[in-house]
Amino acid sequence: MILRYVTGPIIGGVLGFLYYKIVGCRTGSCPITSSPVRSIIYGALMGLILA
């Protein structure tokens, strides 16, 4: 049970970082993908919610 709540945000954070690197935002005006920190935090939160 606890393992789900730990691995969910970790996997989400990794996927958020990969989304930043692969898709990214060229202009810098995108609220989530403009910085890697925001992408990682958003991905980790989504992983926690879905876990």
Protein backbone atom coordinates (compact mmCIF):
# COMPACT_ATOMS: atom_id res chain seq x y z
CA MET A 1 0.00 0.00 0.00
CA ILE A 2 2.68 2.49 0.99
CA LEU A 3 4.81 1.33 -1.92
CA ARG A 4 2.12 2.59 -4.33
CA TYR A 5 2.20 6.05 -2.76
CA VAL A 6 5.98 6.17 -3.03
CA THR A 7 6.47 4.76 -6.52
CA GLY A 8 3.56 6.70 -8.06
CA PRO A 9 5.12 10.14 -7.55
CA ILE A 10 8.58 8.85 -8.50
CA ILE A 11 7.35 7.41 -11.79
CA GLY A 12 5.22 10.52 -12.38
CA GLY A 13 8.20 12.78 -11.75
CA VAL A 14 10.36 10.84 -14.18
CA LEU A 15 7.61 10.96 -16.79
CA GLY A 16 7.17 14.69 -16.17
CA PHE A 17 10.87 15.26 -16.75
CA LEU A 18 10.81 13.17 -19.91
CA TYR A 19 7.81 15.17 -21.11
CA TYR A 20 9.80 18.36 -20.49
CA LYS A 21 12.80 17.02 -22.42
CA ILE A 22 10.88 15.51 -25.35
CA VAL A 23 7.95 17.90 -25.80
CA GLY A 24 9.08 20.95 -23.84
CA CYS A 25 8.16 24.54 -24.56
CA ARG A 26 10.16 26.57 -27.03
CA THR A 27 8.76 29.99 -26.17
CA GLY A 28 8.80 29.66 -22.38
CA SER A 29 5.17 30.73 -22.10
CA CYS A 30 3.83 27.27 -21.24
CA PRO A 31 2.94 27.17 -17.52
CA ILE A 32 3.86 23.53 -16.87
CA THR A 33 6.54 22.65 -19.41
CA SER A 34 8.51 25.90 -19.26
CA SER A 35 10.79 24.61 -16.48
CA PRO A 36 11.89 21.10 -15.55
CA VAL A 37 11.04 21.63 -11.88
CA ARG A 38 7.41 22.43 -12.66
CA SER A 39 7.15 19.44 -14.98
CA ILE A 40 8.58 17.11 -12.33
CA ILE A 41 6.29 18.46 -9.61
CA TYR A 42 3.24 18.24 -11.87
CA GLY A 43 4.14 14.70 -12.90
CA ALA A 44 4.73 13.67 -9.28
CA LEU A 45 1.35 15.08 -8.23
CA MET A 46 -0.38 13.28 -11.08
CA GLY A 47 1.41 10.07 -10.09
CA LEU A 48 0.27 10.50 -6.50
CA ILE A 49 -3.32 11.12 -7.53
CA LEU A 50 -3.39 8.12 -9.85
CA ALA A 51 -1.61 5.78 -7.41
